[in-house]
Every structure is written in structure tokens, then in C-alpha cells.
Amino acid sequence: MNQLKSRSPGGAMSAEDFAIYASYQINAGGLFVGTLKVIRKTDGRMLFPFQGAPVLGPYPSRQEARDAAASHGELIVKSDIANPES
């Protein structure tokens, strides 16, 4: 089954055209780092992570790590809507 979302030609992209998966993991020092995956649904392109992507953290709490990952994901989506990568 194809999970790509079709968009009308010339139609503007919106936040619904993206999937953001934000979470966290614990590093070797016992601190929390955010994990993030951002996918453009219209073509299935993974925008984050990419080769050389920054580490999101560390943070003292799991909630801060998750919130930082979600905020970074929202920034990536806004940036891609304004200037889409091909």
C-alpha cells in the first residue's frame, strides 16, 4: 500500500504534508538526547536525520529532550514549506 500523500498540482504544502516522529534516548552519561525523524509525505523523502545531522542534546530530562526534538522538527517543516528541497 502506498503511504504517500498526493497533492494537487500547484497546491501549497502545509504541516499536514509532513510526519514528525520525536522521542528521546539515554546516552552513555545518563543524560537524554532527542531523536527525530521528519518525512515529507508527498514524496516520502526523509528530511531528518541526514548525514552529519546535529545531536539534539544532551538534556537533563526526557521531556526536555523530546520537546527539543519536536521543536527542531517543526522548524524543519516550516523551512521546507518556505523553501522545499527537491
N, C-alpha and C. Protein backbone atom coordinates (compact mmCIF):
# COMPACT_ATOMS: atom_id res chain seq x y z
N MET A 1 0.83 -1.18 0.00
CA MET A 1 0.00 0.00 0.00
C MET A 1 0.88 1.25 0.00
N ASN A 2 0.58 2.18 -0.85
CA ASN A 2 1.35 3.40 -0.97
C ASN A 2 0.92 4.39 0.11
N GLN A 3 1.87 4.84 0.92
CA GLN A 3 1.56 5.75 2.02
C GLN A 3 1.80 7.21 1.65
N LEU A 4 2.22 7.47 0.40
CA LEU A 4 2.48 8.84 0.01
C LEU A 4 1.18 9.61 -0.13
N LYS A 5 1.22 10.85 0.26
CA LYS A 5 0.04 11.71 0.20
C LYS A 5 0.11 12.52 -1.09
N SER A 6 -0.95 12.46 -1.89
CA SER A 6 -0.95 13.22 -3.14
C SER A 6 -1.38 14.65 -2.86
N ARG A 7 -0.85 15.54 -3.67
CA ARG A 7 -1.14 16.96 -3.52
C ARG A 7 -1.53 17.47 -4.89
N SER A 8 -2.50 18.35 -4.92
CA SER A 8 -2.93 18.89 -6.22
C SER A 8 -1.80 19.71 -6.82
N PRO A 9 -1.64 19.65 -8.14
CA PRO A 9 -0.58 20.41 -8.80
C PRO A 9 -0.69 21.89 -8.45
N GLY A 10 0.43 22.47 -8.07
CA GLY A 10 0.44 23.88 -7.72
C GLY A 10 -0.11 24.17 -6.33
N GLY A 11 -0.59 23.13 -5.64
CA GLY A 11 -1.12 23.33 -4.29
C GLY A 11 -0.01 23.60 -3.30
N ALA A 12 -0.26 24.46 -2.36
CA ALA A 12 0.74 24.79 -1.35
C ALA A 12 0.85 23.66 -0.33
N MET A 13 2.07 23.42 0.13
CA MET A 13 2.28 22.42 1.17
C MET A 13 1.87 23.00 2.51
N SER A 14 1.49 22.11 3.42
CA SER A 14 1.15 22.52 4.77
C SER A 14 1.79 21.54 5.75
N ALA A 15 1.66 21.81 7.03
CA ALA A 15 2.24 20.94 8.05
C ALA A 15 1.69 19.52 7.97
N GLU A 16 0.47 19.35 7.45
CA GLU A 16 -0.12 18.01 7.31
C GLU A 16 0.60 17.17 6.27
N ASP A 17 1.42 17.80 5.44
CA ASP A 17 2.17 17.08 4.42
C ASP A 17 3.46 16.46 4.97
N PHE A 18 3.67 16.54 6.29
CA PHE A 18 4.88 16.05 6.92
C PHE A 18 4.53 15.16 8.10
N ALA A 19 5.41 14.21 8.38
CA ALA A 19 5.30 13.39 9.59
C ALA A 19 6.52 13.69 10.46
N ILE A 20 6.27 14.01 11.72
CA ILE A 20 7.34 14.28 12.68
C ILE A 20 7.27 13.22 13.77
N TYR A 21 8.37 12.51 13.95
CA TYR A 21 8.47 11.49 15.00
C TYR A 21 9.55 11.95 15.96
N ALA A 22 9.16 12.44 17.13
CA ALA A 22 10.10 12.96 18.12
C ALA A 22 10.08 12.07 19.35
N SER A 23 11.27 11.73 19.82
CA SER A 23 11.38 10.91 21.03
C SER A 23 12.72 11.24 21.70
N TYR A 24 13.22 10.33 22.51
CA TYR A 24 14.49 10.54 23.22
C TYR A 24 15.14 9.19 23.46
N GLN A 25 16.42 9.25 23.79
CA GLN A 25 17.13 8.07 24.28
C GLN A 25 18.14 8.54 25.31
N ILE A 26 18.61 7.61 26.11
CA ILE A 26 19.58 7.93 27.15
C ILE A 26 20.98 7.66 26.61
N ASN A 27 21.90 8.64 26.79
CA ASN A 27 23.26 8.43 26.31
C ASN A 27 24.10 7.73 27.38
N ALA A 28 25.36 7.48 27.07
CA ALA A 28 26.24 6.74 27.99
C ALA A 28 26.44 7.47 29.31
N GLY A 29 26.30 8.79 29.31
CA GLY A 29 26.46 9.56 30.53
C GLY A 29 25.20 9.66 31.37
N GLY A 30 24.14 8.99 30.94
CA GLY A 30 22.89 9.02 31.69
C GLY A 30 22.02 10.23 31.41
N LEU A 31 22.40 11.03 30.41
CA LEU A 31 21.60 12.18 30.03
C LEU A 31 20.72 11.82 28.84
N PHE A 32 19.79 12.67 28.53
CA PHE A 32 18.79 12.39 27.49
C PHE A 32 19.11 13.17 26.22
N VAL A 33 19.05 12.50 25.08
CA VAL A 33 19.21 13.16 23.79
C VAL A 33 17.93 12.95 22.99
N GLY A 34 17.56 13.98 22.26
CA GLY A 34 16.37 13.88 21.42
C GLY A 34 16.64 13.04 20.19
N THR A 35 15.63 12.30 19.77
CA THR A 35 15.70 11.58 18.50
C THR A 35 14.58 12.13 17.62
N LEU A 36 14.85 12.22 16.34
CA LEU A 36 13.90 12.88 15.45
C LEU A 36 13.94 12.26 14.06
N LYS A 37 12.77 12.10 13.49
CA LYS A 37 12.64 11.73 12.09
C LYS A 37 11.56 12.63 11.50
N VAL A 38 11.87 13.28 10.38
CA VAL A 38 10.91 14.14 9.68
C VAL A 38 10.81 13.62 8.25
N ILE A 39 9.59 13.31 7.83
CA ILE A 39 9.35 12.77 6.49
C ILE A 39 8.33 13.64 5.78
N ARG A 40 8.66 14.00 4.53
CA ARG A 40 7.71 14.70 3.68
C ARG A 40 6.81 13.64 3.05
N LYS A 41 5.53 13.66 3.38
CA LYS A 41 4.59 12.62 2.93
C LYS A 41 4.33 12.66 1.43
N THR A 42 4.44 13.82 0.81
CA THR A 42 4.10 13.92 -0.60
C THR A 42 5.02 13.11 -1.50
N ASP A 43 6.28 12.96 -1.09
CA ASP A 43 7.22 12.18 -1.90
C ASP A 43 7.99 11.14 -1.10
N GLY A 44 7.73 11.05 0.20
CA GLY A 44 8.38 10.05 1.04
C GLY A 44 9.80 10.40 1.43
N ARG A 45 10.25 11.60 1.12
CA ARG A 45 11.63 11.97 1.41
C ARG A 45 11.83 12.20 2.90
N MET A 46 12.90 11.58 3.45
CA MET A 46 13.26 11.79 4.84
C MET A 46 14.15 13.04 4.91
N LEU A 47 13.67 14.07 5.60
CA LEU A 47 14.39 15.33 5.72
C LEU A 47 15.34 15.34 6.91
N PHE A 48 15.05 14.53 7.91
CA PHE A 48 15.89 14.44 9.10
C PHE A 48 15.69 13.06 9.70
N PRO A 49 16.70 12.37 10.14
CA PRO A 49 18.09 12.78 10.17
C PRO A 49 18.75 12.64 8.81
N PHE A 50 19.88 13.25 8.66
CA PHE A 50 20.68 13.18 7.44
C PHE A 50 22.13 13.01 7.86
N GLN A 51 22.97 12.67 6.90
CA GLN A 51 24.40 12.50 7.18
C GLN A 51 24.94 13.79 7.79
N GLY A 52 25.52 13.71 8.97
CA GLY A 52 26.07 14.88 9.64
C GLY A 52 25.06 15.68 10.43
N ALA A 53 23.86 15.14 10.63
CA ALA A 53 22.81 15.84 11.40
C ALA A 53 23.29 16.09 12.83
N PRO A 54 22.89 17.21 13.42
CA PRO A 54 23.33 17.51 14.78
C PRO A 54 22.67 16.58 15.80
N VAL A 55 23.40 16.39 16.91
CA VAL A 55 22.84 15.65 18.04
C VAL A 55 21.95 16.63 18.80
N LEU A 56 20.77 16.18 19.17
CA LEU A 56 19.81 17.05 19.87
C LEU A 56 19.95 16.85 21.37
N GLY A 57 20.87 17.56 21.96
CA GLY A 57 21.08 17.44 23.39
C GLY A 57 22.56 17.36 23.71
N PRO A 58 22.88 16.94 24.92
CA PRO A 58 22.04 16.26 25.90
C PRO A 58 21.23 17.23 26.76
N TYR A 59 20.18 16.68 27.37
CA TYR A 59 19.29 17.41 28.25
C TYR A 59 19.16 16.65 29.56
N PRO A 60 18.85 17.36 30.65
CA PRO A 60 18.73 16.69 31.94
C PRO A 60 17.46 15.85 32.12
N SER A 61 16.44 16.08 31.28
CA SER A 61 15.21 15.30 31.44
C SER A 61 14.73 14.78 30.09
N ARG A 62 13.96 13.70 30.16
CA ARG A 62 13.41 13.12 28.92
C ARG A 62 12.43 14.08 28.24
N GLN A 63 11.67 14.82 29.04
CA GLN A 63 10.70 15.75 28.45
C GLN A 63 11.39 16.88 27.69
N GLU A 64 12.49 17.41 28.25
CA GLU A 64 13.23 18.46 27.56
C GLU A 64 13.81 17.94 26.24
N ALA A 65 14.32 16.71 26.25
CA ALA A 65 14.89 16.12 25.03
C ALA A 65 13.80 15.93 23.98
N ARG A 66 12.66 15.41 24.39
CA ARG A 66 11.54 15.19 23.46
C ARG A 66 11.02 16.52 22.92
N ASP A 67 10.88 17.52 23.80
CA ASP A 67 10.40 18.84 23.37
C ASP A 67 11.38 19.50 22.39
N ALA A 68 12.67 19.36 22.65
CA ALA A 68 13.68 19.93 21.74
C ALA A 68 13.61 19.25 20.38
N ALA A 69 13.43 17.94 20.37
CA ALA A 69 13.31 17.21 19.10
C ALA A 69 12.07 17.66 18.34
N ALA A 70 10.95 17.80 19.04
CA ALA A 70 9.70 18.23 18.39
C ALA A 70 9.85 19.65 17.84
N SER A 71 10.47 20.54 18.60
CA SER A 71 10.67 21.92 18.13
C SER A 71 11.56 21.96 16.90
N HIS A 72 12.62 21.14 16.92
CA HIS A 72 13.51 21.09 15.76
C HIS A 72 12.77 20.55 14.54
N GLY A 73 11.92 19.56 14.76
CA GLY A 73 11.11 19.01 13.67
C GLY A 73 10.18 20.05 13.08
N GLU A 74 9.55 20.84 13.92
CA GLU A 74 8.65 21.90 13.44
C GLU A 74 9.42 22.95 12.64
N LEU A 75 10.64 23.26 13.08
CA LEU A 75 11.48 24.21 12.35
C LEU A 75 11.84 23.66 10.96
N ILE A 76 12.17 22.38 10.89
CA ILE A 76 12.49 21.75 9.60
C ILE A 76 11.28 21.81 8.67
N VAL A 77 10.10 21.52 9.20
CA VAL A 77 8.88 21.56 8.39
C VAL A 77 8.63 22.98 7.87
N LYS A 78 8.70 23.97 8.74
CA LYS A 78 8.48 25.36 8.32
C LYS A 78 9.49 25.77 7.26
N SER A 79 10.74 25.37 7.44
CA SER A 79 11.78 25.71 6.47
C SER A 79 11.53 25.04 5.13
N ASP A 80 11.09 23.78 5.15
CA ASP A 80 10.84 23.06 3.90
C ASP A 80 9.61 23.61 3.18
N ILE A 81 8.61 24.05 3.92
CA ILE A 81 7.44 24.66 3.29
C ILE A 81 7.86 25.96 2.60
N ALA A 82 8.70 26.75 3.27
CA ALA A 82 9.14 28.03 2.71
C ALA A 82 10.09 27.85 1.53
N ASN A 83 10.93 26.80 1.59
CA ASN A 83 11.94 26.58 0.55
C ASN A 83 12.12 25.08 0.37
N PRO A 84 11.23 24.43 -0.38
CA PRO A 84 11.27 22.96 -0.49
C PRO A 84 12.56 22.44 -1.13
N GLU A 85 13.11 21.40 -0.49
CA GLU A 85 14.23 20.67 -1.09
C GLU A 85 13.68 19.74 -2.13
N SER A 86 14.44 19.53 -3.19
CA SER A 86 13.97 18.56 -4.20
C SER A 86 14.80 17.31 -4.15
